[in-house]
Amino acid sequence: PDTNDLQMIAAQKYGVKPVEHRADAENSKTSLVYIGANPYYDIDPMKR
């Protein structure tokens, strides 16, 4: 039942600062890790 408001508390505590565009996201990848290759799950083609 965990609502977006509840999840937002953890997101702001453990996450990175939001960015405006995909180009800006490239500069934030130093704080993120790639999840596109894993034996336990698959990744959908992500448009958004």
ModelCIF file with pLDDT and N, C-alpha, C, O atoms, coordinates in Angstrom:
data_MODEL
#
_entry.id   MODEL 
#
_entity.id                         1 
_entity.type                       polymer 
_entity.pdbx_number_of_molecules   1 
#
_entity_poly.entity_id                      1 
_entity_poly.type                           'polypeptide(L)' 
_entity_poly.nstd_linkage                   no 
_entity_poly.nstd_monomer                   no 
_entity_poly.pdbx_seq_one_letter_code       PDTNDLQMIAAQKYGVKPVEHRADAENSKTSLVYIGANPYYDIDPMKR 
_entity_poly.pdbx_seq_one_letter_code_can   PDTNDLQMIAAQKYGVKPVEHRADAENSKTSLVYIGANPYYDIDPMKR 
_entity_poly.pdbx_strand_id                 A 
#
loop_
_entity_poly_seq.entity_id 
_entity_poly_seq.num 
_entity_poly_seq.mon_id 
_entity_poly_seq.hetero 
1 1  PRO n 
1 2  ASP n 
1 3  THR n 
1 4  ASN n 
1 5  ASP n 
1 6  LEU n 
1 7  GLN n 
1 8  MET n 
1 9  ILE n 
1 10 ALA n 
1 11 ALA n 
1 12 GLN n 
1 13 LYS n 
1 14 TYR n 
1 15 GLY n 
1 16 VAL n 
1 17 LYS n 
1 18 PRO n 
1 19 VAL n 
1 20 GLU n 
1 21 HIS n 
1 22 ARG n 
1 23 ALA n 
1 24 ASP n 
1 25 ALA n 
1 26 GLU n 
1 27 ASN n 
1 28 SER n 
1 29 LYS n 
1 30 THR n 
1 31 SER n 
1 32 LEU n 
1 33 VAL n 
1 34 TYR n 
1 35 ILE n 
1 36 GLY n 
1 37 ALA n 
1 38 ASN n 
1 39 PRO n 
1 40 TYR n 
1 41 TYR n 
1 42 ASP n 
1 43 ILE n 
1 44 ASP n 
1 45 PRO n 
1 46 MET n 
1 47 LYS n 
1 48 ARG n 
#
_struct_asym.id          A 
_struct_asym.entity_id   1 
#
loop_
_ma_qa_metric.id 
_ma_qa_metric.mode 
_ma_qa_metric.name 
_ma_qa_metric.software_group_id 
_ma_qa_metric.type 
1 global pLDDT . pLDDT 
2 local  pLDDT . pLDDT 
#
_ma_qa_metric_global.metric_id      1 
_ma_qa_metric_global.metric_value   91.25 
_ma_qa_metric_global.model_id       1 
_ma_qa_metric_global.ordinal_id     1 
#
loop_
_ma_qa_metric_local.label_asym_id 
_ma_qa_metric_local.label_comp_id 
_ma_qa_metric_local.label_seq_id 
_ma_qa_metric_local.metric_id 
_ma_qa_metric_local.metric_value 
_ma_qa_metric_local.model_id 
_ma_qa_metric_local.ordinal_id 
A PRO 1  2 96.00 1 1  
A ASP 2  2 97.00 1 2  
A THR 3  2 95.00 1 3  
A ASN 4  2 93.00 1 4  
A ASP 5  2 94.00 1 5  
A LEU 6  2 97.00 1 6  
A GLN 7  2 97.00 1 7  
A MET 8  2 97.00 1 8  
A ILE 9  2 97.00 1 9  
A ALA 10 2 97.00 1 10 
A ALA 11 2 97.00 1 11 
A GLN 12 2 96.00 1 12 
A LYS 13 2 97.00 1 13 
A TYR 14 2 97.00 1 14 
A GLY 15 2 96.00 1 15 
A VAL 16 2 94.00 1 16 
A LYS 17 2 93.00 1 17 
A PRO 18 2 92.00 1 18 
A VAL 19 2 89.00 1 19 
A GLU 20 2 89.00 1 20 
A HIS 21 2 87.00 1 21 
A ARG 22 2 82.00 1 22 
A ALA 23 2 80.00 1 23 
A ASP 24 2 81.00 1 24 
A ALA 25 2 79.00 1 25 
A GLU 26 2 75.00 1 26 
A ASN 27 2 77.00 1 27 
A SER 28 2 76.00 1 28 
A LYS 29 2 78.00 1 29 
A THR 30 2 84.00 1 30 
A SER 31 2 91.00 1 31 
A LEU 32 2 94.00 1 32 
A VAL 33 2 94.00 1 33 
A TYR 34 2 95.00 1 34 
A ILE 35 2 96.00 1 35 
A GLY 36 2 91.00 1 36 
A ALA 37 2 88.00 1 37 
A ASN 38 2 94.00 1 38 
A PRO 39 2 95.00 1 39 
A TYR 40 2 97.00 1 40 
A TYR 41 2 98.00 1 41 
A ASP 42 2 98.00 1 42 
A ILE 43 2 97.00 1 43 
A ASP 44 2 95.00 1 44 
A PRO 45 2 92.00 1 45 
A MET 46 2 91.00 1 46 
A LYS 47 2 87.00 1 47 
A ARG 48 2 88.00 1 48 
#
loop_
_atom_site.group_PDB 
_atom_site.id 
_atom_site.type_symbol 
_atom_site.label_atom_id 
_atom_site.label_alt_id 
_atom_site.label_comp_id 
_atom_site.label_asym_id 
_atom_site.label_entity_id 
_atom_site.label_seq_id 
_atom_site.pdbx_PDB_ins_code 
_atom_site.Cartn_x 
_atom_site.Cartn_y 
_atom_site.Cartn_z 
_atom_site.occupancy 
_atom_site.B_iso_or_equiv 
_atom_site.pdbx_formal_charge 
_atom_site.auth_seq_id 
_atom_site.auth_comp_id 
_atom_site.auth_asym_id 
_atom_site.auth_atom_id 
_atom_site.pdbx_PDB_model_num 
ATOM 1   N N  . PRO A 1 1  ? 0.787  -1.235  0.000   1.00 96.00 ? 1  PRO A N  1 
ATOM 2   C CA . PRO A 1 1  ? 0.000  0.000   0.000   1.00 96.00 ? 1  PRO A CA 1 
ATOM 3   C C  . PRO A 1 1  ? 0.819  1.286   0.000   1.00 96.00 ? 1  PRO A C  1 
ATOM 4   O O  . PRO A 1 1  ? 0.255  2.371   0.134   1.00 96.00 ? 1  PRO A O  1 
ATOM 5   N N  . ASP A 1 2  ? 2.162  1.183   -0.151  1.00 97.00 ? 2  ASP A N  1 
ATOM 6   C CA . ASP A 1 2  ? 3.037  2.338   0.094   1.00 97.00 ? 2  ASP A CA 1 
ATOM 7   C C  . ASP A 1 2  ? 2.844  3.404   -0.983  1.00 97.00 ? 2  ASP A C  1 
ATOM 8   O O  . ASP A 1 2  ? 3.147  3.180   -2.155  1.00 97.00 ? 2  ASP A O  1 
ATOM 9   N N  . THR A 1 3  ? 2.342  4.546   -0.576  1.00 95.00 ? 3  THR A N  1 
ATOM 10  C CA . THR A 1 3  ? 2.010  5.631   -1.509  1.00 95.00 ? 3  THR A CA 1 
ATOM 11  C C  . THR A 1 3  ? 3.268  6.337   -2.004  1.00 95.00 ? 3  THR A C  1 
ATOM 12  O O  . THR A 1 3  ? 4.365  6.130   -1.486  1.00 95.00 ? 3  THR A O  1 
ATOM 13  N N  . ASN A 1 4  ? 3.080  7.165   -3.010  1.00 93.00 ? 4  ASN A N  1 
ATOM 14  C CA . ASN A 1 4  ? 4.193  7.948   -3.561  1.00 93.00 ? 4  ASN A CA 1 
ATOM 15  C C  . ASN A 1 4  ? 4.765  8.912   -2.518  1.00 93.00 ? 4  ASN A C  1 
ATOM 16  O O  . ASN A 1 4  ? 5.976  9.127   -2.469  1.00 93.00 ? 4  ASN A O  1 
ATOM 17  N N  . ASP A 1 5  ? 3.892  9.494   -1.682  1.00 94.00 ? 5  ASP A N  1 
ATOM 18  C CA . ASP A 1 5  ? 4.359  10.421  -0.645  1.00 94.00 ? 5  ASP A CA 1 
ATOM 19  C C  . ASP A 1 5  ? 5.281  9.714   0.347   1.00 94.00 ? 5  ASP A C  1 
ATOM 20  O O  . ASP A 1 5  ? 6.294  10.274  0.766   1.00 94.00 ? 5  ASP A O  1 
ATOM 21  N N  . LEU A 1 6  ? 4.931  8.496   0.719   1.00 97.00 ? 6  LEU A N  1 
ATOM 22  C CA . LEU A 1 6  ? 5.771  7.738   1.641   1.00 97.00 ? 6  LEU A CA 1 
ATOM 23  C C  . LEU A 1 6  ? 7.089  7.362   0.987   1.00 97.00 ? 6  LEU A C  1 
ATOM 24  O O  . LEU A 1 6  ? 8.146  7.473   1.606   1.00 97.00 ? 6  LEU A O  1 
ATOM 25  N N  . GLN A 1 7  ? 7.032  6.919   -0.260  1.00 97.00 ? 7  GLN A N  1 
ATOM 26  C CA . GLN A 1 7  ? 8.243  6.528   -0.961  1.00 97.00 ? 7  GLN A CA 1 
ATOM 27  C C  . GLN A 1 7  ? 9.141  7.743   -1.241  1.00 97.00 ? 7  GLN A C  1 
ATOM 28  O O  . GLN A 1 7  ? 10.360 7.608   -1.343  1.00 97.00 ? 7  GLN A O  1 
ATOM 29  N N  . MET A 1 8  ? 8.540  8.904   -1.361  1.00 97.00 ? 8  MET A N  1 
ATOM 30  C CA . MET A 1 8  ? 9.309  10.109  -1.629  1.00 97.00 ? 8  MET A CA 1 
ATOM 31  C C  . MET A 1 8  ? 10.278 10.424  -0.486  1.00 97.00 ? 8  MET A C  1 
ATOM 32  O O  . MET A 1 8  ? 11.367 10.948  -0.723  1.00 97.00 ? 8  MET A O  1 
ATOM 33  N N  . ILE A 1 9  ? 9.891  10.110  0.737   1.00 97.00 ? 9  ILE A N  1 
ATOM 34  C CA . ILE A 1 9  ? 10.762 10.366  1.891   1.00 97.00 ? 9  ILE A CA 1 
ATOM 35  C C  . ILE A 1 9  ? 12.075 9.593   1.738   1.00 97.00 ? 9  ILE A C  1 
ATOM 36  O O  . ILE A 1 9  ? 13.155 10.142  1.958   1.00 97.00 ? 9  ILE A O  1 
ATOM 37  N N  . ALA A 1 10 ? 11.973 8.320   1.362   1.00 97.00 ? 10 ALA A N  1 
ATOM 38  C CA . ALA A 1 10 ? 13.178 7.506   1.160   1.00 97.00 ? 10 ALA A CA 1 
ATOM 39  C C  . ALA A 1 10 ? 13.929 7.944   -0.080  1.00 97.00 ? 10 ALA A C  1 
ATOM 40  O O  . ALA A 1 10 ? 15.160 7.928   -0.092  1.00 97.00 ? 10 ALA A O  1 
ATOM 41  N N  . ALA A 1 11 ? 13.211 8.336   -1.130  1.00 97.00 ? 11 ALA A N  1 
ATOM 42  C CA . ALA A 1 11 ? 13.860 8.754   -2.375  1.00 97.00 ? 11 ALA A CA 1 
ATOM 43  C C  . ALA A 1 11 ? 14.727 9.982   -2.149  1.00 97.00 ? 11 ALA A C  1 
ATOM 44  O O  . ALA A 1 11 ? 15.859 10.041  -2.628  1.00 97.00 ? 11 ALA A O  1 
ATOM 45  N N  . GLN A 1 12 ? 14.201 10.965  -1.422  1.00 96.00 ? 12 GLN A N  1 
ATOM 46  C CA . GLN A 1 12 ? 14.967 12.182  -1.158  1.00 96.00 ? 12 GLN A CA 1 
ATOM 47  C C  . GLN A 1 12 ? 16.119 11.923  -0.187  1.00 96.00 ? 12 GLN A C  1 
ATOM 48  O O  . GLN A 1 12 ? 17.125 12.632  -0.214  1.00 96.00 ? 12 GLN A O  1 
ATOM 49  N N  . LYS A 1 13 ? 15.975 10.925  0.656   1.00 97.00 ? 13 LYS A N  1 
ATOM 50  C CA . LYS A 1 13 ? 17.019 10.623  1.624   1.00 97.00 ? 13 LYS A CA 1 
ATOM 51  C C  . LYS A 1 13 ? 18.201 9.894   0.979   1.00 97.00 ? 13 LYS A C  1 
ATOM 52  O O  . LYS A 1 13 ? 19.354 10.198  1.285   1.00 97.00 ? 13 LYS A O  1 
ATOM 53  N N  . TYR A 1 14 ? 17.926 8.945   0.098   1.00 97.00 ? 14 TYR A N  1 
ATOM 54  C CA . TYR A 1 14 ? 18.981 8.092   -0.451  1.00 97.00 ? 14 TYR A CA 1 
ATOM 55  C C  . TYR A 1 14 ? 19.319 8.393   -1.917  1.00 97.00 ? 14 TYR A C  1 
ATOM 56  O O  . TYR A 1 14 ? 20.268 7.826   -2.459  1.00 97.00 ? 14 TYR A O  1 
ATOM 57  N N  . GLY A 1 15 ? 18.549 9.282   -2.562  1.00 96.00 ? 15 GLY A N  1 
ATOM 58  C CA . GLY A 1 15 ? 18.725 9.473   -3.994  1.00 96.00 ? 15 GLY A CA 1 
ATOM 59  C C  . GLY A 1 15 ? 19.615 10.630  -4.376  1.00 96.00 ? 15 GLY A C  1 
ATOM 60  O O  . GLY A 1 15 ? 20.202 11.308  -3.532  1.00 96.00 ? 15 GLY A O  1 
ATOM 61  N N  . VAL A 1 16 ? 19.696 10.834  -5.686  1.00 94.00 ? 16 VAL A N  1 
ATOM 62  C CA . VAL A 1 16 ? 20.457 11.941  -6.256  1.00 94.00 ? 16 VAL A CA 1 
ATOM 63  C C  . VAL A 1 16 ? 19.500 13.104  -6.526  1.00 94.00 ? 16 VAL A C  1 
ATOM 64  O O  . VAL A 1 16 ? 18.283 12.953  -6.411  1.00 94.00 ? 16 VAL A O  1 
ATOM 65  N N  . LYS A 1 17 ? 20.048 14.243  -6.878  1.00 93.00 ? 17 LYS A N  1 
ATOM 66  C CA . LYS A 1 17 ? 19.213 15.401  -7.220  1.00 93.00 ? 17 LYS A CA 1 
ATOM 67  C C  . LYS A 1 17 ? 18.618 15.195  -8.612  1.00 93.00 ? 17 LYS A C  1 
ATOM 68  O O  . LYS A 1 17 ? 19.321 14.760  -9.524  1.00 93.00 ? 17 LYS A O  1 
ATOM 69  N N  . PRO A 1 18 ? 17.328 15.501  -8.787  1.00 92.00 ? 18 PRO A N  1 
ATOM 70  C CA . PRO A 1 18 ? 16.714 15.361  -10.110 1.00 92.00 ? 18 PRO A CA 1 
ATOM 71  C C  . PRO A 1 18 ? 17.380 16.275  -11.139 1.00 92.00 ? 18 PRO A C  1 
ATOM 72  O O  . PRO A 1 18 ? 17.862 17.358  -10.807 1.00 92.00 ? 18 PRO A O  1 
ATOM 73  N N  . VAL A 1 19 ? 17.397 15.823  -12.378 1.00 89.00 ? 19 VAL A N  1 
ATOM 74  C CA . VAL A 1 19 ? 17.971 16.615  -13.466 1.00 89.00 ? 19 VAL A CA 1 
ATOM 75  C C  . VAL A 1 19 ? 16.883 16.902  -14.493 1.00 89.00 ? 19 VAL A C  1 
ATOM 76  O O  . VAL A 1 19 ? 15.860 16.219  -14.536 1.00 89.00 ? 19 VAL A O  1 
ATOM 77  N N  . GLU A 1 20 ? 17.111 17.912  -15.313 1.00 89.00 ? 20 GLU A N  1 
ATOM 78  C CA . GLU A 1 20 ? 16.098 18.369  -16.254 1.00 89.00 ? 20 GLU A CA 1 
ATOM 79  C C  . GLU A 1 20 ? 16.012 17.493  -17.501 1.00 89.00 ? 20 GLU A C  1 
ATOM 80  O O  . GLU A 1 20 ? 14.929 17.048  -17.879 1.00 89.00 ? 20 GLU A O  1 
ATOM 81  N N  . HIS A 1 21 ? 17.182 17.244  -18.151 1.00 87.00 ? 21 HIS A N  1 
ATOM 82  C CA . HIS A 1 21 ? 17.177 16.589  -19.451 1.00 87.00 ? 21 HIS A CA 1 
ATOM 83  C C  . HIS A 1 21 ? 18.109 15.365  -19.447 1.00 87.00 ? 21 HIS A C  1 
ATOM 84  O O  . HIS A 1 21 ? 18.903 15.170  -18.526 1.00 87.00 ? 21 HIS A O  1 
ATOM 85  N N  . ARG A 1 22 ? 17.989 14.556  -20.498 1.00 82.00 ? 22 ARG A N  1 
ATOM 86  C CA . ARG A 1 22 ? 18.843 13.375  -20.636 1.00 82.00 ? 22 ARG A CA 1 
ATOM 87  C C  . ARG A 1 22 ? 20.320 13.768  -20.704 1.00 82.00 ? 22 ARG A C  1 
ATOM 88  O O  . ARG A 1 22 ? 21.184 13.062  -20.186 1.00 82.00 ? 22 ARG A O  1 
ATOM 89  N N  . ALA A 1 23 ? 20.596 14.897  -21.345 1.00 80.00 ? 23 ALA A N  1 
ATOM 90  C CA . ALA A 1 23 ? 21.992 15.347  -21.427 1.00 80.00 ? 23 ALA A CA 1 
ATOM 91  C C  . ALA A 1 23 ? 22.543 15.631  -20.036 1.00 80.00 ? 23 ALA A C  1 
ATOM 92  O O  . ALA A 1 23 ? 23.710 15.360  -19.755 1.00 80.00 ? 23 ALA A O  1 
ATOM 93  N N  . ASP A 1 24 ? 21.699 16.176  -19.170 1.00 81.00 ? 24 ASP A N  1 
ATOM 94  C CA . ASP A 1 24 ? 22.130 16.429  -17.789 1.00 81.00 ? 24 ASP A CA 1 
ATOM 95  C C  . ASP A 1 24 ? 22.321 15.123  -17.036 1.00 81.00 ? 24 ASP A C  1 
ATOM 96  O O  . ASP A 1 24 ? 23.172 15.023  -16.152 1.00 81.00 ? 24 ASP A O  1 
ATOM 97  N N  . ALA A 1 25 ? 21.521 14.120  -17.390 1.00 79.00 ? 25 ALA A N  1 
ATOM 98  C CA . ALA A 1 25 ? 21.626 12.829  -16.719 1.00 79.00 ? 25 ALA A CA 1 
ATOM 99  C C  . ALA A 1 25 ? 22.978 12.166  -16.971 1.00 79.00 ? 25 ALA A C  1 
ATOM 100 O O  . ALA A 1 25 ? 23.474 11.417  -16.130 1.00 79.00 ? 25 ALA A O  1 
ATOM 101 N N  . GLU A 1 26 ? 23.568 12.445  -18.125 1.00 75.00 ? 26 GLU A N  1 
ATOM 102 C CA . GLU A 1 26 ? 24.880 11.881  -18.423 1.00 75.00 ? 26 GLU A CA 1 
ATOM 103 C C  . GLU A 1 26 ? 25.913 12.316  -17.390 1.00 75.00 ? 26 GLU A C  1 
ATOM 104 O O  . GLU A 1 26 ? 26.806 11.545  -17.038 1.00 75.00 ? 26 GLU A O  1 
ATOM 105 N N  . ASN A 1 27 ? 25.794 13.547  -16.905 1.00 77.00 ? 27 ASN A N  1 
ATOM 106 C CA . ASN A 1 27 ? 26.734 14.050  -15.898 1.00 77.00 ? 27 ASN A CA 1 
ATOM 107 C C  . ASN A 1 27 ? 26.458 13.498  -14.508 1.00 77.00 ? 27 ASN A C  1 
ATOM 108 O O  . ASN A 1 27 ? 27.312 13.581  -13.625 1.00 77.00 ? 27 ASN A O  1 
ATOM 109 N N  . SER A 1 28 ? 25.266 12.932  -14.307 1.00 76.00 ? 28 SER A N  1 
ATOM 110 C CA . SER A 1 28 ? 24.906 12.386  -12.991 1.00 76.00 ? 28 SER A CA 1 
ATOM 111 C C  . SER A 1 28 ? 25.235 10.901  -12.864 1.00 76.00 ? 28 SER A C  1 
ATOM 112 O O  . SER A 1 28 ? 25.040 10.311  -11.801 1.00 76.00 ? 28 SER A O  1 
ATOM 113 N N  . LYS A 1 29 ? 25.728 10.299  -13.931 1.00 78.00 ? 29 LYS A N  1 
ATOM 114 C CA . LYS A 1 29 ? 25.975 8.863   -13.912 1.00 78.00 ? 29 LYS A CA 1 
ATOM 115 C C  . LYS A 1 29 ? 27.138 8.463   -13.009 1.00 78.00 ? 29 LYS A C  1 
ATOM 116 O O  . LYS A 1 29 ? 27.340 7.279   -12.739 1.00 78.00 ? 29 LYS A O  1 
ATOM 117 N N  . THR A 1 30 ? 27.898 9.447   -12.545 1.00 84.00 ? 30 THR A N  1 
ATOM 118 C CA . THR A 1 30 ? 28.960 9.113   -11.590 1.00 84.00 ? 30 THR A CA 1 
ATOM 119 C C  . THR A 1 30 ? 28.376 8.678   -10.255 1.00 84.00 ? 30 THR A C  1 
ATOM 120 O O  . THR A 1 30 ? 29.045 7.999   -9.477  1.00 84.00 ? 30 THR A O  1 
ATOM 121 N N  . SER A 1 31 ? 27.124 9.066   -9.981  1.00 91.00 ? 31 SER A N  1 
ATOM 122 C CA . SER A 1 31 ? 26.441 8.686   -8.737  1.00 91.00 ? 31 SER A CA 1 
ATOM 123 C C  . SER A 1 31 ? 25.485 7.518   -8.935  1.00 91.00 ? 31 SER A C  1 
ATOM 124 O O  . SER A 1 31 ? 24.841 7.067   -7.987  1.00 91.00 ? 31 SER A O  1 
ATOM 125 N N  . LEU A 1 32 ? 25.394 7.025   -10.177 1.00 94.00 ? 32 LEU A N  1 
ATOM 126 C CA . LEU A 1 32 ? 24.478 5.944   -10.507 1.00 94.00 ? 32 LEU A CA 1 
ATOM 127 C C  . LEU A 1 32 ? 25.239 4.749   -11.071 1.00 94.00 ? 32 LEU A C  1 
ATOM 128 O O  . LEU A 1 32 ? 26.367 4.888   -11.543 1.00 94.00 ? 32 LEU A O  1 
ATOM 129 N N  . VAL A 1 33 ? 24.624 3.598   -11.018 1.00 94.00 ? 33 VAL A N  1 
ATOM 130 C CA . VAL A 1 33 ? 25.236 2.389   -11.575 1.00 94.00 ? 33 VAL A CA 1 
ATOM 131 C C  . VAL A 1 33 ? 24.301 1.813   -12.640 1.00 94.00 ? 33 VAL A C  1 
ATOM 132 O O  . VAL A 1 33 ? 23.080 1.948   -12.564 1.00 94.00 ? 33 VAL A O  1 
ATOM 133 N N  . TYR A 1 34 ? 24.908 1.174   -13.624 1.00 95.00 ? 34 TYR A N  1 
ATOM 134 C CA . TYR A 1 34 ? 24.166 0.607   -14.754 1.00 95.00 ? 34 TYR A CA 1 
ATOM 135 C C  . TYR A 1 34 ? 23.511 -0.711  -14.333 1.00 95.00 ? 34 TYR A C  1 
ATOM 136 O O  . TYR A 1 34 ? 24.153 -1.544  -13.693 1.00 95.00 ? 34 TYR A O  1 
ATOM 137 N N  . ILE A 1 35 ? 22.251 -0.901  -14.683 1.00 96.00 ? 35 ILE A N  1 
ATOM 138 C CA . ILE A 1 35 ? 21.524 -2.120  -14.312 1.00 96.00 ? 35 ILE A CA 1 
ATOM 139 C C  . ILE A 1 35 ? 21.080 -2.910  -15.540 1.00 96.00 ? 35 ILE A C  1 
ATOM 140 O O  . ILE A 1 35 ? 20.256 -3.817  -15.431 1.00 96.00 ? 35 ILE A O  1 
ATOM 141 N N  . GLY A 1 36 ? 21.618 -2.571  -16.696 1.00 91.00 ? 36 GLY A N  1 
ATOM 142 C CA . GLY A 1 36 ? 21.140 -3.167  -17.933 1.00 91.00 ? 36 GLY A CA 1 
ATOM 143 C C  . GLY A 1 36 ? 21.614 -4.574  -18.210 1.00 91.00 ? 36 GLY A C  1 
ATOM 144 O O  . GLY A 1 36 ? 21.154 -5.183  -19.176 1.00 91.00 ? 36 GLY A O  1 
ATOM 145 N N  . ALA A 1 37 ? 22.514 -5.122  -17.408 1.00 88.00 ? 37 ALA A N  1 
ATOM 146 C CA . ALA A 1 37 ? 23.025 -6.476  -17.643 1.00 88.00 ? 37 ALA A CA 1 
ATOM 147 C C  . ALA A 1 37 ? 23.037 -7.243  -16.326 1.00 88.00 ? 37 ALA A C  1 
ATOM 148 O O  . ALA A 1 37 ? 23.852 -6.960  -15.448 1.00 88.00 ? 37 ALA A O  1 
ATOM 149 N N  . ASN A 1 38 ? 22.134 -8.214  -16.184 1.00 94.00 ? 38 ASN A N  1 
ATOM 150 C CA . ASN A 1 38 ? 22.032 -8.983  -14.947 1.00 94.00 ? 38 ASN A CA 1 
ATOM 151 C C  . ASN A 1 38 ? 21.425 -10.346 -15.261 1.00 94.00 ? 38 ASN A C  1 
ATOM 152 O O  . ASN A 1 38 ? 20.500 -10.425 -16.069 1.00 94.00 ? 38 ASN A O  1 
ATOM 153 N N  . PRO A 1 39 ? 21.919 -11.426 -14.645 1.00 95.00 ? 39 PRO A N  1 
ATOM 154 C CA . PRO A 1 39 ? 21.389 -12.762 -14.959 1.00 95.00 ? 39 PRO A CA 1 
ATOM 155 C C  . PRO A 1 39 ? 20.004 -13.031 -14.380 1.00 95.00 ? 39 PRO A C  1 
ATOM 156 O O  . PRO A 1 39 ? 19.351 -13.990 -14.789 1.00 95.00 ? 39 PRO A O  1 
ATOM 157 N N  . TYR A 1 40 ? 19.536 -12.203 -13.430 1.00 97.00 ? 40 TYR A N  1 
ATOM 158 C CA . TYR A 1 40 ? 18.281 -12.483 -12.734 1.00 97.00 ? 40 TYR A CA 1 
ATOM 159 C C  . TYR A 1 40 ? 17.070 -11.780 -13.338 1.00 97.00 ? 40 TYR A C  1 
ATOM 160 O O  . TYR A 1 40 ? 15.939 -12.193 -13.081 1.00 97.00 ? 40 TYR A O  1 
ATOM 161 N N  . TYR A 1 41 ? 17.268 -10.750 -14.118 1.00 98.00 ? 41 TYR A N  1 
ATOM 162 C CA . TYR A 1 41 ? 16.132 -10.011 -14.664 1.00 98.00 ? 41 TYR A CA 1 
ATOM 163 C C  . TYR A 1 41 ? 16.511 -9.412  -16.015 1.00 98.00 ? 41 TYR A C  1 
ATOM 164 O O  . TYR A 1 41 ? 17.684 -9.361  -16.384 1.00 98.00 ? 41 TYR A O  1 
ATOM 165 N N  . ASP A 1 42 ? 15.488 -8.959  -16.743 1.00 98.00 ? 42 ASP A N  1 
ATOM 166 C CA . ASP A 1 42 ? 15.689 -8.295  -18.025 1.00 98.00 ? 42 ASP A CA 1 
ATOM 167 C C  . ASP A 1 42 ? 15.177 -6.860  -17.937 1.00 98.00 ? 42 ASP A C  1 
ATOM 168 O O  . ASP A 1 42 ? 14.377 -6.518  -17.066 1.00 98.00 ? 42 ASP A O  1 
ATOM 169 N N  . ILE A 1 43 ? 15.657 -6.031  -18.861 1.00 97.00 ? 43 ILE A N  1 
ATOM 170 C CA . ILE A 1 43 ? 15.276 -4.620  -18.906 1.00 97.00 ? 43 ILE A CA 1 
ATOM 171 C C  . ILE A 1 43 ? 14.477 -4.361  -20.182 1.00 97.00 ? 43 ILE A C  1 
ATOM 172 O O  . ILE A 1 43 ? 14.910 -4.703  -21.283 1.00 97.00 ? 43 ILE A O  1 
ATOM 173 N N  . ASP A 1 44 ? 13.307 -3.753  -20.014 1.00 95.00 ? 44 ASP A N  1 
ATOM 174 C CA . ASP A 1 44 ? 12.536 -3.342  -21.179 1.00 95.00 ? 44 ASP A CA 1 
ATOM 175 C C  . ASP A 1 44 ? 13.251 -2.213  -21.921 1.00 95.00 ? 44 ASP A C  1 
ATOM 176 O O  . ASP A 1 44 ? 13.994 -1.455  -21.297 1.00 95.00 ? 44 ASP A O  1 
ATOM 177 N N  . PRO A 1 45 ? 13.048 -2.080  -23.242 1.00 92.00 ? 45 PRO A N  1 
ATOM 178 C CA . PRO A 1 45 ? 13.553 -0.882  -23.926 1.00 92.00 ? 45 PRO A CA 1 
ATOM 179 C C  . PRO A 1 45 ? 12.902 0.350   -23.291 1.00 92.00 ? 45 PRO A C  1 
ATOM 180 O O  . PRO A 1 45 ? 11.685 0.518   -23.368 1.00 92.00 ? 45 PRO A O  1 
ATOM 181 N N  . MET A 1 46 ? 13.699 1.198   -22.673 1.00 91.00 ? 46 MET A N  1 
ATOM 182 C CA . MET A 1 46 ? 13.163 2.318   -21.897 1.00 91.00 ? 46 MET A CA 1 
ATOM 183 C C  . MET A 1 46 ? 13.139 3.588   -22.740 1.00 91.00 ? 46 MET A C  1 
ATOM 184 O O  . MET A 1 46 ? 14.182 4.071   -23.182 1.00 91.00 ? 46 MET A O  1 
ATOM 185 N N  . LYS A 1 47 ? 11.932 4.125   -22.960 1.00 87.00 ? 47 LYS A N  1 
ATOM 186 C CA . LYS A 1 47 ? 11.779 5.368   -23.704 1.00 87.00 ? 47 LYS A CA 1 
ATOM 187 C C  . LYS A 1 47 ? 11.711 6.576   -22.775 1.00 87.00 ? 47 LYS A C  1 
ATOM 188 O O  . LYS A 1 47 ? 12.147 7.667   -23.143 1.00 87.00 ? 47 LYS A O  1 
ATOM 189 N N  . ARG A 1 48 ? 11.174 6.392   -21.591 1.00 88.00 ? 48 ARG A N  1 
ATOM 190 C CA . ARG A 1 48 ? 10.997 7.514   -20.678 1.00 88.00 ? 48 ARG A CA 1 
ATOM 191 C C  . ARG A 1 48 ? 11.787 7.334   -19.382 1.00 88.00 ? 48 ARG A C  1 
ATOM 192 O O  . ARG A 1 48 ? 11.742 8.198   -18.507 1.00 88.00 ? 48 ARG A O  1 
#
